[in-house]
Amino acid sequence: MKIIVRWLLLAAALLLVANLYSGVSVDSFGAALIAALVLGLFNTLVRPLLVLLTLPVTLLTLGLFLFVINALMFWAAASVLSSFHVASFTAALVGSLLYSLCGMVIDVAVERLFNSNTV
């Protein structure tokens, strides 16, 4: 249940990012659900490999290159899906930052919601 609630909230966060920033667009809530799923899969499967391969650059930039990797994941998800659009790499960077911030808030809220019931 926790995963489904998190997935629905992340899809809503993607719609929020699309409404806040003009460089990102999502056609519908259904498209946002699919885009959130693809983003989650990319972040689970591809991102760790990219982080490992770019570790020297990440260390040299004191971790700032991780923002570039996040933007690449965001941009890659948009390139795979026809109903999720990102205008440029800069738009992917800004969109991924906003989406990550929303994701952090959602993670804290979901953890508090589901952990408060297990007393």
PDB file of N, CA and C in Angstrom:
ATOM      1  N   MET A   1       0.828  -1.198   0.000  1.00  0.00           N
ATOM      2  CA  MET A   1       0.000   0.000   0.000  1.00  0.00           C
ATOM      3  C   MET A   1       0.866   1.252   0.000  1.00  0.00           C
ATOM      4  N   LYS A   2       1.956   1.168   0.747  1.00  0.00           N
ATOM      5  CA  LYS A   2       2.864   2.301   0.862  1.00  0.00           C
ATOM      6  C   LYS A   2       3.463   2.680  -0.498  1.00  0.00           C
ATOM      7  N   ILE A   3       3.796   1.681  -1.303  1.00  0.00           N
ATOM      8  CA  ILE A   3       4.388   1.930  -2.617  1.00  0.00           C
ATOM      9  C   ILE A   3       3.376   2.577  -3.552  1.00  0.00           C
ATOM     10  N   ILE A   4       2.137   2.144  -3.484  1.00  0.00           N
ATOM     11  CA  ILE A   4       1.093   2.706  -4.349  1.00  0.00           C
ATOM     12  C   ILE A   4       0.819   4.159  -3.988  1.00  0.00           C
ATOM     13  N   VAL A   5       0.744   4.461  -2.703  1.00  0.00           N
ATOM     14  CA  VAL A   5       0.523   5.840  -2.257  1.00  0.00           C
ATOM     15  C   VAL A   5       1.690   6.730  -2.695  1.00  0.00           C
ATOM     16  N   ARG A   6       2.903   6.224  -2.533  1.00  0.00           N
ATOM     17  CA  ARG A   6       4.085   6.995  -2.945  1.00  0.00           C
ATOM     18  C   ARG A   6       4.078   7.225  -4.452  1.00  0.00           C
ATOM     19  N   TRP A   7       3.709   6.217  -5.226  1.00  0.00           N
ATOM     20  CA  TRP A   7       3.662   6.326  -6.675  1.00  0.00           C
ATOM     21  C   TRP A   7       2.620   7.359  -7.113  1.00  0.00           C
ATOM     22  N   LEU A   8       1.439   7.336  -6.497  1.00  0.00           N
ATOM     23  CA  LEU A   8       0.397   8.313  -6.822  1.00  0.00           C
ATOM     24  C   LEU A   8       0.842   9.732  -6.482  1.00  0.00           C
ATOM     25  N   LEU A   9       1.501   9.886  -5.332  1.00  0.00           N
ATOM     26  CA  LEU A   9       1.964  11.215  -4.932  1.00  0.00           C
ATOM     27  C   LEU A   9       3.102  11.707  -5.824  1.00  0.00           C
ATOM     28  N   LEU A  10       3.979  10.816  -6.262  1.00  0.00           N
ATOM     29  CA  LEU A  10       5.054  11.213  -7.174  1.00  0.00           C
ATOM     30  C   LEU A  10       4.504  11.604  -8.547  1.00  0.00           C
ATOM     31  N   ALA A  11       3.446  10.937  -8.980  1.00  0.00           N
ATOM     32  CA  ALA A  11       2.795  11.324 -10.229  1.00  0.00           C
ATOM     33  C   ALA A  11       2.173  12.718 -10.086  1.00  0.00           C
ATOM     34  N   ALA A  12       1.549  12.977  -8.941  1.00  0.00           N
ATOM     35  CA  ALA A  12       0.998  14.311  -8.688  1.00  0.00           C
ATOM     36  C   ALA A  12       2.110  15.345  -8.619  1.00  0.00           C
ATOM     37  N   ALA A  13       3.257  14.973  -8.058  1.00  0.00           N
ATOM     38  CA  ALA A  13       4.402  15.886  -7.997  1.00  0.00           C
ATOM     39  C   ALA A  13       4.912  16.196  -9.396  1.00  0.00           C
ATOM     40  N   LEU A  14       4.881  15.228 -10.276  1.00  0.00           N
ATOM     41  CA  LEU A  14       5.306  15.470 -11.654  1.00  0.00           C
ATOM     42  C   LEU A  14       4.361  16.442 -12.352  1.00  0.00           C
ATOM     43  N   LEU A  15       3.080  16.322 -12.080  1.00  0.00           N
ATOM     44  CA  LEU A  15       2.121  17.296 -12.605  1.00  0.00           C
ATOM     45  C   LEU A  15       2.370  18.684 -12.021  1.00  0.00           C
ATOM     46  N   LEU A  16       2.720  18.740 -10.743  1.00  0.00           N
ATOM     47  CA  LEU A  16       3.044  20.014 -10.108  1.00  0.00           C
ATOM     48  C   LEU A  16       4.263  20.649 -10.766  1.00  0.00           C
ATOM     49  N   VAL A  17       5.288  19.867 -11.029  1.00  0.00           N
ATOM     50  CA  VAL A  17       6.486  20.382 -11.702  1.00  0.00           C
ATOM     51  C   VAL A  17       6.114  20.916 -13.076  1.00  0.00           C
ATOM     52  N   ALA A  18       5.266  20.201 -13.797  1.00  0.00           N
ATOM     53  CA  ALA A  18       4.847  20.644 -15.125  1.00  0.00           C
ATOM     54  C   ALA A  18       4.051  21.947 -15.059  1.00  0.00           C
ATOM     55  N   ASN A  19       3.290  22.137 -13.971  1.00  0.00           N
ATOM     56  CA  ASN A  19       2.532  23.384 -13.823  1.00  0.00           C
ATOM     57  C   ASN A  19       3.404  24.539 -13.359  1.00  0.00           C
ATOM     58  N   LEU A  20       4.438  24.244 -12.578  1.00  0.00           N
ATOM     59  CA  LEU A  20       5.306  25.302 -12.070  1.00  0.00           C
ATOM     60  C   LEU A  20       6.350  25.755 -13.083  1.00  0.00           C
ATOM     61  N   TYR A  21       6.816  24.841 -13.927  1.00  0.00           N
ATOM     62  CA  TYR A  21       7.916  25.139 -14.833  1.00  0.00           C
ATOM     63  C   TYR A  21       7.495  24.822 -16.264  1.00  0.00           C
ATOM     64  N   SER A  22       7.626  25.800 -17.143  1.00  0.00           N
ATOM     65  CA  SER A  22       7.132  25.646 -18.515  1.00  0.00           C
ATOM     66  C   SER A  22       7.999  24.728 -19.378  1.00  0.00           C
ATOM     67  N   GLY A  23       9.205  24.399 -18.953  1.00  0.00           N
ATOM     68  CA  GLY A  23      10.073  23.530 -19.735  1.00  0.00           C
ATOM     69  C   GLY A  23       9.705  22.063 -19.636  1.00  0.00           C
ATOM     70  N   VAL A  24       8.799  21.727 -18.729  1.00  0.00           N
ATOM     71  CA  VAL A  24       8.357  20.341 -18.529  1.00  0.00           C
ATOM     72  C   VAL A  24       6.853  20.298 -18.748  1.00  0.00           C
ATOM     73  N   SER A  25       6.398  19.294 -19.507  1.00  0.00           N
ATOM     74  CA  SER A  25       4.953  19.146 -19.703  1.00  0.00           C
ATOM     75  C   SER A  25       4.570  17.676 -19.649  1.00  0.00           C
ATOM     76  N   VAL A  26       3.399  17.439 -19.076  1.00  0.00           N
ATOM     77  CA  VAL A  26       2.820  16.100 -18.972  1.00  0.00           C
ATOM     78  C   VAL A  26       1.390  16.212 -19.470  1.00  0.00           C
ATOM     79  N   ASP A  27       0.989  15.273 -20.329  1.00  0.00           N
ATOM     80  CA  ASP A  27      -0.323  15.369 -20.967  1.00  0.00           C
ATOM     81  C   ASP A  27      -1.493  15.138 -20.026  1.00  0.00           C
ATOM     82  N   SER A  28      -1.383  14.182 -19.093  1.00  0.00           N
ATOM     83  CA  SER A  28      -2.505  13.849 -18.219  1.00  0.00           C
ATOM     84  C   SER A  28      -1.982  13.182 -16.956  1.00  0.00           C
ATOM     85  N   PHE A  29      -2.906  12.895 -16.028  1.00  0.00           N
ATOM     86  CA  PHE A  29      -2.494  12.206 -14.806  1.00  0.00           C
ATOM     87  C   PHE A  29      -2.053  10.778 -15.115  1.00  0.00           C
ATOM     88  N   GLY A  30      -2.700  10.138 -16.061  1.00  0.00           N
ATOM     89  CA  GLY A  30      -2.282   8.797 -16.473  1.00  0.00           C
ATOM     90  C   GLY A  30      -0.863   8.806 -17.038  1.00  0.00           C
ATOM     91  N   ALA A  31      -0.566   9.832 -17.824  1.00  0.00           N
ATOM     92  CA  ALA A  31       0.789   9.971 -18.361  1.00  0.00           C
ATOM     93  C   ALA A  31       1.785  10.241 -17.240  1.00  0.00           C
ATOM     94  N   ALA A  32       1.350  10.985 -16.231  1.00  0.00           N
ATOM     95  CA  ALA A  32       2.223  11.260 -15.086  1.00  0.00           C
ATOM     96  C   ALA A  32       2.486   9.985 -14.290  1.00  0.00           C
ATOM     97  N   LEU A  33       1.479   9.112 -14.187  1.00  0.00           N
ATOM     98  CA  LEU A  33       1.677   7.827 -13.512  1.00  0.00           C
ATOM     99  C   LEU A  33       2.725   6.981 -14.236  1.00  0.00           C
ATOM    100  N   ILE A  34       2.611   6.924 -15.551  1.00  0.00           N
ATOM    101  CA  ILE A  34       3.574   6.150 -16.338  1.00  0.00           C
ATOM    102  C   ILE A  34       4.958   6.783 -16.249  1.00  0.00           C
ATOM    103  N   ALA A  35       5.029   8.119 -16.332  1.00  0.00           N
ATOM    104  CA  ALA A  35       6.318   8.809 -16.254  1.00  0.00           C
ATOM    105  C   ALA A  35       6.962   8.608 -14.886  1.00  0.00           C
ATOM    106  N   ALA A  36       6.176   8.645 -13.819  1.00  0.00           N
ATOM    107  CA  ALA A  36       6.726   8.411 -12.478  1.00  0.00           C
ATOM    108  C   ALA A  36       7.254   6.984 -12.357  1.00  0.00           C
ATOM    109  N   LEU A  37       6.556   6.036 -12.971  1.00  0.00           N
ATOM    110  CA  LEU A  37       7.023   4.647 -12.966  1.00  0.00           C
ATOM    111  C   LEU A  37       8.335   4.502 -13.735  1.00  0.00           C
ATOM    112  N   VAL A  38       8.415   5.112 -14.911  1.00  0.00           N
ATOM    113  CA  VAL A  38       9.643   5.039 -15.719  1.00  0.00           C
ATOM    114  C   VAL A  38      10.793   5.739 -15.001  1.00  0.00           C
ATOM    115  N   LEU A  39      10.526   6.892 -14.400  1.00  0.00           N
ATOM    116  CA  LEU A  39      11.571   7.583 -13.629  1.00  0.00           C
ATOM    117  C   LEU A  39      12.059   6.711 -12.484  1.00  0.00           C
ATOM    118  N   GLY A  40      11.145   6.065 -11.804  1.00  0.00           N
ATOM    119  CA  GLY A  40      11.531   5.172 -10.715  1.00  0.00           C
ATOM    120  C   GLY A  40      12.373   4.008 -11.195  1.00  0.00           C
ATOM    121  N   LEU A  41      11.994   3.428 -12.328  1.00  0.00           N
ATOM    122  CA  LEU A  41      12.772   2.319 -12.886  1.00  0.00           C
ATOM    123  C   LEU A  41      14.165   2.777 -13.314  1.00  0.00           C
ATOM    124  N   PHE A  42      14.245   3.931 -13.987  1.00  0.00           N
ATOM    125  CA  PHE A  42      15.552   4.452 -14.390  1.00  0.00           C
ATOM    126  C   PHE A  42      16.428   4.748 -13.180  1.00  0.00           C
ATOM    127  N   ASN A  43      15.827   5.345 -12.154  1.00  0.00           N
ATOM    128  CA  ASN A  43      16.606   5.673 -10.955  1.00  0.00           C
ATOM    129  C   ASN A  43      17.037   4.433 -10.190  1.00  0.00           C
ATOM    130  N   THR A  44      16.279   3.357 -10.308  1.00  0.00           N
ATOM    131  CA  THR A  44      16.629   2.120  -9.625  1.00  0.00           C
ATOM    132  C   THR A  44      17.649   1.297 -10.404  1.00  0.00           C
ATOM    133  N   LEU A  45      17.513   1.250 -11.717  1.00  0.00           N
ATOM    134  CA  LEU A  45      18.336   0.358 -12.524  1.00  0.00           C
ATOM    135  C   LEU A  45      19.538   1.033 -13.178  1.00  0.00           C
ATOM    136  N   VAL A  46      19.363   2.225 -13.728  1.00  0.00           N
ATOM    137  CA  VAL A  46      20.415   2.872 -14.521  1.00  0.00           C
ATOM    138  C   VAL A  46      21.260   3.826 -13.684  1.00  0.00           C
ATOM    139  N   ARG A  47      20.630   4.572 -12.804  1.00  0.00           N
ATOM    140  CA  ARG A  47      21.343   5.597 -12.030  1.00  0.00           C
ATOM    141  C   ARG A  47      22.523   5.040 -11.223  1.00  0.00           C
ATOM    142  N   PRO A  48      22.392   3.902 -10.521  1.00  0.00           N
ATOM    143  CA  PRO A  48      23.554   3.401  -9.772  1.00  0.00           C
ATOM    144  C   PRO A  48      24.758   3.104 -10.671  1.00  0.00           C
ATOM    145  N   LEU A  49      24.501   2.600 -11.858  1.00  0.00           N
ATOM    146  CA  LEU A  49      25.592   2.330 -12.794  1.00  0.00           C
ATOM    147  C   LEU A  49      26.256   3.632 -13.238  1.00  0.00           C
ATOM    148  N   LEU A  50      25.459   4.641 -13.541  1.00  0.00           N
ATOM    149  CA  LEU A  50      26.019   5.940 -13.924  1.00  0.00           C
ATOM    150  C   LEU A  50      26.807   6.577 -12.781  1.00  0.00           C
ATOM    151  N   VAL A  51      26.298   6.465 -11.575  1.00  0.00           N
ATOM    152  CA  VAL A  51      27.011   7.022 -10.412  1.00  0.00           C
ATOM    153  C   VAL A  51      28.356   6.331 -10.244  1.00  0.00           C
ATOM    154  N   LEU A  52      28.371   5.033 -10.414  1.00  0.00           N
ATOM    155  CA  LEU A  52      29.621   4.283 -10.288  1.00  0.00           C
ATOM    156  C   LEU A  52      30.610   4.649 -11.389  1.00  0.00           C
ATOM    157  N   LEU A  53      30.131   4.754 -12.618  1.00  0.00           N
ATOM    158  CA  LEU A  53      31.012   5.076 -13.740  1.00  0.00           C
ATOM    159  C   LEU A  53      31.561   6.502 -13.680  1.00  0.00           C
ATOM    160  N   THR A  54      30.790   7.408 -13.108  1.00  0.00           N
ATOM    161  CA  THR A  54      31.222   8.807 -13.039  1.00  0.00           C
ATOM    162  C   THR A  54      31.730   9.192 -11.651  1.00  0.00           C
ATOM    163  N   LEU A  55      32.097   8.215 -10.853  1.00  0.00           N
ATOM    164  CA  LEU A  55      32.558   8.490  -9.492  1.00  0.00           C
ATOM    165  C   LEU A  55      33.728   9.469  -9.430  1.00  0.00           C
ATOM    166  N   PRO A  56      34.756   9.355 -10.296  1.00  0.00           N
ATOM    167  CA  PRO A  56      35.846  10.342 -10.222  1.00  0.00           C
ATOM    168  C   PRO A  56      35.378  11.775 -10.466  1.00  0.00           C
ATOM    169  N   VAL A  57      34.499  11.947 -11.446  1.00  0.00           N
ATOM    170  CA  VAL A  57      33.983  13.291 -11.735  1.00  0.00           C
ATOM    171  C   VAL A  57      33.126  13.782 -10.572  1.00  0.00           C
ATOM    172  N   THR A  58      32.343  12.892 -10.010  1.00  0.00           N
ATOM    173  CA  THR A  58      31.499  13.254  -8.869  1.00  0.00           C
ATOM    174  C   THR A  58      32.347  13.677  -7.679  1.00  0.00           C
ATOM    175  N   LEU A  59      33.425  12.971  -7.442  1.00  0.00           N
ATOM    176  CA  LEU A  59      34.315  13.341  -6.337  1.00  0.00           C
ATOM    177  C   LEU A  59      35.006  14.674  -6.595  1.00  0.00           C
ATOM    178  N   LEU A  60      35.435  14.894  -7.839  1.00  0.00           N
ATOM    179  CA  LEU A  60      36.089  16.166  -8.177  1.00  0.00           C
ATOM    180  C   LEU A  60      35.152  17.365  -8.035  1.00  0.00           C
ATOM    181  N   THR A  61      33.888  17.152  -8.334  1.00  0.00           N
ATOM    182  CA  THR A  61      32.918  18.248  -8.234  1.00  0.00           C
ATOM    183  C   THR A  61      32.218  18.279  -6.883  1.00  0.00           C
ATOM    184  N   LEU A  62      32.727  17.485  -5.950  1.00  0.00           N
ATOM    185  CA  LEU A  62      32.171  17.419  -4.595  1.00  0.00           C
ATOM    186  C   LEU A  62      30.685  17.045  -4.593  1.00  0.00           C
ATOM    187  N   GLY A  63      30.323  16.145  -5.493  1.00  0.00           N
ATOM    188  CA  GLY A  63      28.962  15.644  -5.545  1.00  0.00           C
ATOM    189  C   GLY A  63      28.010  16.409  -6.433  1.00  0.00           C
ATOM    190  N   LEU A  64      28.439  17.530  -6.972  1.00  0.00           N
ATOM    191  CA  LEU A  64      27.538  18.329  -7.795  1.00  0.00           C
ATOM    192  C   LEU A  64      27.182  17.642  -9.109  1.00  0.00           C
ATOM    193  N   PHE A  65      28.028  16.728  -9.572  1.00  0.00           N
ATOM    194  CA  PHE A  65      27.733  16.011 -10.811  1.00  0.00           C
ATOM    195  C   PHE A  65      26.513  15.107 -10.666  1.00  0.00           C
ATOM    196  N   LEU A  66      26.122  14.794  -9.446  1.00  0.00           N
ATOM    197  CA  LEU A  66      24.910  14.008  -9.229  1.00  0.00           C
ATOM    198  C   LEU A  66      23.667  14.739  -9.740  1.00  0.00           C
ATOM    199  N   PHE A  67      23.701  16.075  -9.727  1.00  0.00           N
ATOM    200  CA  PHE A  67      22.597  16.845 -10.299  1.00  0.00           C
ATOM    201  C   PHE A  67      22.493  16.592 -11.801  1.00  0.00           C
ATOM    202  N   VAL A  68      23.636  16.476 -12.455  1.00  0.00           N
ATOM    203  CA  VAL A  68      23.664  16.192 -13.889  1.00  0.00           C
ATOM    204  C   VAL A  68      23.105  14.793 -14.150  1.00  0.00           C
ATOM    205  N   ILE A  69      23.469  13.835 -13.331  1.00  0.00           N
ATOM    206  CA  ILE A  69      22.954  12.472 -13.494  1.00  0.00           C
ATOM    207  C   ILE A  69      21.442  12.441 -13.294  1.00  0.00           C
ATOM    208  N   ASN A  70      20.948  13.165 -12.292  1.00  0.00           N
ATOM    209  CA  ASN A  70      19.493  13.243 -12.079  1.00  0.00           C
ATOM    210  C   ASN A  70      18.801  13.855 -13.289  1.00  0.00           C
ATOM    211  N   ALA A  71      19.395  14.909 -13.841  1.00  0.00           N
ATOM    212  CA  ALA A  71      18.815  15.543 -15.026  1.00  0.00           C
ATOM    213  C   ALA A  71      18.830  14.587 -16.214  1.00  0.00           C
ATOM    214  N   LEU A  72      19.884  13.796 -16.352  1.00  0.00           N
ATOM    215  CA  LEU A  72      19.949  12.815 -17.435  1.00  0.00           C
ATOM    216  C   LEU A  72      18.847  11.759 -17.290  1.00  0.00           C
ATOM    217  N   MET A  73      18.581  11.331 -16.068  1.00  0.00           N
ATOM    218  CA  MET A  73      17.511  10.359 -15.847  1.00  0.00           C
ATOM    219  C   MET A  73      16.150  10.964 -16.207  1.00  0.00           C
ATOM    220  N   PHE A  74      15.951  12.214 -15.833  1.00  0.00           N
ATOM    221  CA  PHE A  74      14.706  12.927 -16.122  1.00  0.00           C
ATOM    222  C   PHE A  74      14.525  13.077 -17.628  1.00  0.00           C
ATOM    223  N   TRP A  75      15.605  13.479 -18.306  1.00  0.00           N
ATOM    224  CA  TRP A  75      15.590  13.679 -19.747  1.00  0.00           C
ATOM    225  C   TRP A  75      15.392  12.352 -20.476  1.00  0.00           C
ATOM    226  N   ALA A  76      16.031  11.296 -19.998  1.00  0.00           N
ATOM    227  CA  ALA A  76      15.893   9.974 -20.620  1.00  0.00           C
ATOM    228  C   ALA A  76      14.455   9.470 -20.508  1.00  0.00           C
ATOM    229  N   ALA A  77      13.831   9.681 -19.371  1.00  0.00           N
ATOM    230  CA  ALA A  77      12.439   9.266 -19.210  1.00  0.00           C
ATOM    231  C   ALA A  77      11.535  10.025 -20.182  1.00  0.00           C
ATOM    232  N   ALA A  78      11.816  11.303 -20.364  1.00  0.00           N
ATOM    233  CA  ALA A  78      11.018  12.098 -21.294  1.00  0.00           C
ATOM    234  C   ALA A  78      11.251  11.668 -22.744  1.00  0.00           C
ATOM    235  N   SER A  79      12.455  11.213 -23.048  1.00  0.00           N
ATOM    236  CA  SER A  79      12.722  10.790 -24.421  1.00  0.00           C
ATOM    237  C   SER A  79      12.084   9.438 -24.742  1.00  0.00           C
ATOM    238  N   VAL A  80      11.825   8.628 -23.727  1.00  0.00           N
ATOM    239  CA  VAL A  80      11.202   7.322 -23.924  1.00  0.00           C
ATOM    240  C   VAL A  80       9.682   7.452 -24.065  1.00  0.00           C
ATOM    241  N   LEU A  81       9.097   8.407 -23.384  1.00  0.00           N
ATOM    242  CA  LEU A  81       7.642   8.558 -23.346  1.00  0.00           C
ATOM    243  C   LEU A  81       7.177   9.675 -24.269  1.00  0.00           C
ATOM    244  N   SER A  82       6.080   9.449 -24.960  1.00  0.00           N
ATOM    245  CA  SER A  82       5.570  10.476 -25.867  1.00  0.00           C
ATOM    246  C   SER A  82       4.670  11.497 -25.162  1.00  0.00           C
ATOM    247  N   SER A  83       4.177  11.170 -23.984  1.00  0.00           N
ATOM    248  CA  SER A  83       3.261  12.061 -23.281  1.00  0.00           C
ATOM    249  C   SER A  83       3.955  12.876 -22.181  1.00  0.00           C
ATOM    250  N   PHE A  84       5.258  12.759 -22.084  1.00  0.00           N
ATOM    251  CA  PHE A  84       6.062  13.488 -21.093  1.00  0.00           C
ATOM    252  C   PHE A  84       7.164  14.193 -21.869  1.00  0.00           C
ATOM    253  N   HIS A  85       7.190  15.522 -21.787  1.00  0.00           N
ATOM    254  CA  HIS A  85       8.106  16.308 -22.618  1.00  0.00           C
ATOM    255  C   HIS A  85       9.001  17.189 -21.753  1.00  0.00           C
ATOM    256  N   VAL A  86      10.258  17.254 -22.120  1.00  0.00           N
ATOM    257  CA  VAL A  86      11.218  18.159 -21.491  1.00  0.00           C
ATOM    258  C   VAL A  86      11.878  18.938 -22.624  1.00  0.00           C
ATOM    259  N   ALA A  87      11.870  20.260 -22.528  1.00  0.00           N
ATOM    260  CA  ALA A  87      12.302  21.114 -23.637  1.00  0.00           C
ATOM    261  C   ALA A  87      13.798  21.043 -23.911  1.00  0.00           C
ATOM    262  N   SER A  88      14.622  20.997 -22.869  1.00  0.00           N
ATOM    263  CA  SER A  88      16.078  21.025 -23.062  1.00  0.00           C
ATOM    264  C   SER A  88      16.747  20.387 -21.846  1.00  0.00           C
ATOM    265  N   PHE A  89      18.079  20.324 -21.909  1.00  0.00           N
ATOM    266  CA  PHE A  89      18.792  19.773 -20.758  1.00  0.00           C
ATOM    267  C   PHE A  89      18.634  20.686 -19.541  1.00  0.00           C
ATOM    268  N   THR A  90      18.628  21.982 -19.764  1.00  0.00           N
ATOM    269  CA  THR A  90      18.418  22.926 -18.655  1.00  0.00           C
ATOM    270  C   THR A  90      17.044  22.709 -18.024  1.00  0.00           C
ATOM    271  N   ALA A  91      16.045  22.489 -18.871  1.00  0.00           N
ATOM    272  CA  ALA A  91      14.706  22.204 -18.357  1.00  0.00           C
ATOM    273  C   ALA A  91      14.702  20.896 -17.575  1.00  0.00           C
ATOM    274  N   ALA A  92      15.467  19.911 -18.047  1.00  0.00           N
ATOM    275  CA  ALA A  92      15.572  18.644 -17.323  1.00  0.00           C
ATOM    276  C   ALA A  92      16.245  18.848 -15.970  1.00  0.00           C
ATOM    277  N   LEU A  93      17.249  19.706 -15.922  1.00  0.00           N
ATOM    278  CA  LEU A  93      17.942  19.989 -14.658  1.00  0.00           C
ATOM    279  C   LEU A  93      17.004  20.656 -13.660  1.00  0.00           C
ATOM    280  N   VAL A  94      16.299  21.688 -14.108  1.00  0.00           N
ATOM    281  CA  VAL A  94      15.367  22.385 -13.218  1.00  0.00           C
ATOM    282  C   VAL A  94      14.216  21.457 -12.820  1.00  0.00           C
ATOM    283  N   GLY A  95      13.681  20.723 -13.797  1.00  0.00           N
ATOM    284  CA  GLY A  95      12.581  19.800 -13.515  1.00  0.00           C
ATOM    285  C   GLY A  95      12.986  18.708 -12.543  1.00  0.00           C
ATOM    286  N   SER A  96      14.198  18.175 -12.712  1.00  0.00           N
ATOM    287  CA  SER A  96      14.643  17.112 -11.801  1.00  0.00           C
ATOM    288  C   SER A  96      14.886  17.647 -10.399  1.00  0.00           C
ATOM    289  N   LEU A  97      15.353  18.882 -10.296  1.00  0.00           N
ATOM    290  CA  LEU A  97      15.530  19.482  -8.961  1.00  0.00           C
ATOM    291  C   LEU A  97      14.186  19.649  -8.261  1.00  0.00           C
ATOM    292  N   LEU A  98      13.201  20.190  -8.976  1.00  0.00           N
ATOM    293  CA  LEU A  98      11.875  20.370  -8.389  1.00  0.00           C
ATOM    294  C   LEU A  98      11.237  19.024  -8.031  1.00  0.00           C
ATOM    295  N   TYR A  99      11.382  18.054  -8.923  1.00  0.00           N
ATOM    296  CA  TYR A  99      10.821  16.717  -8.689  1.00  0.00           C
ATOM    297  C   TYR A  99      11.508  16.046  -7.500  1.00  0.00           C
ATOM    298  N   SER A 100      12.801  16.222  -7.371  1.00  0.00           N
ATOM    299  CA  SER A 100      13.538  15.644  -6.240  1.00  0.00           C
ATOM    300  C   SER A 100      13.106  16.267  -4.918  1.00  0.00           C
ATOM    301  N   LEU A 101      12.912  17.583  -4.917  1.00  0.00           N
ATOM    302  CA  LEU A 101      12.434  18.257  -3.704  1.00  0.00           C
ATOM    303  C   LEU A 101      11.053  17.739  -3.303  1.00  0.00           C
ATOM    304  N   CYS A 102      10.167  17.613  -4.287  1.00  0.00           N
ATOM    305  CA  CYS A 102       8.837  17.055  -4.008  1.00  0.00           C
ATOM    306  C   CYS A 102       8.957  15.625  -3.501  1.00  0.00           C
ATOM    307  N   GLY A 103       9.859  14.850  -4.099  1.00  0.00           N
ATOM    308  CA  GLY A 103      10.060  13.474  -3.689  1.00  0.00           C
ATOM    309  C   GLY A 103      10.527  13.344  -2.251  1.00  0.00           C
ATOM    310  N   MET A 104      11.398  14.263  -1.834  1.00  0.00           N
ATOM    311  CA  MET A 104      11.868  14.237  -0.445  1.00  0.00           C
ATOM    312  C   MET A 104      10.724  14.521   0.520  1.00  0.00           C
ATOM    313  N   VAL A 105       9.898  15.502   0.196  1.00  0.00           N
ATOM    314  CA  VAL A 105       8.748  15.824   1.042  1.00  0.00           C
ATOM    315  C   VAL A 105       7.778  14.647   1.084  1.00  0.00           C
ATOM    316  N   ILE A 106       7.537  14.026  -0.061  1.00  0.00           N
ATOM    317  CA  ILE A 106       6.638  12.876  -0.136  1.00  0.00           C
ATOM    318  C   ILE A 106       7.184  11.714   0.682  1.00  0.00           C
ATOM    319  N   ASP A 107       8.482  11.448   0.588  1.00  0.00           N
ATOM    320  CA  ASP A 107       9.078  10.348   1.353  1.00  0.00           C
ATOM    321  C   ASP A 107       8.899  10.547   2.855  1.00  0.00           C
ATOM    322  N   VAL A 108       9.132  11.763   3.331  1.00  0.00           N
ATOM    323  CA  VAL A 108       8.965  12.049   4.756  1.00  0.00           C
ATOM    324  C   VAL A 108       7.499  11.892   5.163  1.00  0.00           C
ATOM    325  N   ALA A 109       6.598  12.417   4.342  1.00  0.00           N
ATOM    326  CA  ALA A 109       5.174  12.337   4.670  1.00  0.00           C
ATOM    327  C   ALA A 109       4.678  10.893   4.677  1.00  0.00           C
ATOM    328  N   VAL A 110       5.081  10.110   3.691  1.00  0.00           N
ATOM    329  CA  VAL A 110       4.642   8.714   3.614  1.00  0.00           C
ATOM    330  C   VAL A 110       5.208   7.914   4.781  1.00  0.00           C
ATOM    331  N   GLU A 111       6.466   8.141   5.131  1.00  0.00           N
ATOM    332  CA  GLU A 111       7.059   7.435   6.273  1.00  0.00           C
ATOM    333  C   GLU A 111       6.325   7.770   7.567  1.00  0.00           C
ATOM    334  N   ARG A 112       6.013   9.036   7.761  1.00  0.00           N
ATOM    335  CA  ARG A 112       5.290   9.419   8.981  1.00  0.00           C
ATOM    336  C   ARG A 112       3.882   8.854   8.984  1.00  0.00           C
ATOM    337  N   LEU A 113       3.249   8.838   7.825  1.00  0.00           N
ATOM    338  CA  LEU A 113       1.887   8.327   7.740  1.00  0.00           C
ATOM    339  C   LEU A 113       1.822   6.837   8.051  1.00  0.00           C
ATOM    340  N   PHE A 114       2.730   6.075   7.473  1.00  0.00           N
ATOM    341  CA  PHE A 114       2.667   4.629   7.644  1.00  0.00           C
ATOM    342  C   PHE A 114       3.352   4.155   8.923  1.00  0.00           C
ATOM    343  N   ASN A 115       4.286   4.911   9.464  1.00  0.00           N
ATOM    344  CA  ASN A 115       4.928   4.507  10.715  1.00  0.00           C
ATOM    345  C   ASN A 115       4.128   4.925  11.940  1.00  0.00           C
ATOM    346  N   SER A 116       3.246   5.922  11.795  1.00  0.00           N
ATOM    347  CA  SER A 116       2.447   6.343  12.946  1.00  0.00           C
ATOM    348  C   SER A 116       1.363   5.321  13.262  1.00  0.00           C
ATOM    349  N   ASN A 117       0.993   4.492  12.296  1.00  0.00           N
ATOM    350  CA  ASN A 117      -0.039   3.475  12.517  1.00  0.00           C
ATOM    351  C   ASN A 117       0.508   2.220  13.188  1.00  0.00           C
ATOM    352  N   THR A 118       1.811   2.051  13.231  1.00  0.00           N
ATOM    353  CA  THR A 118       2.407   0.843  13.808  1.00  0.00           C
ATOM    354  C   THR A 118       2.989   1.129  15.177  1.00  0.00           C
ATOM    355  N   VAL A 119       2.124   1.360  16.154  1.00  0.00           N
ATOM    356  CA  VAL A 119       2.585   1.652  17.513  1.00  0.00           C
ATOM    357  C   VAL A 119       2.382   0.470  18.383  1.00  0.00           C
TER     358      VAL A 119
END
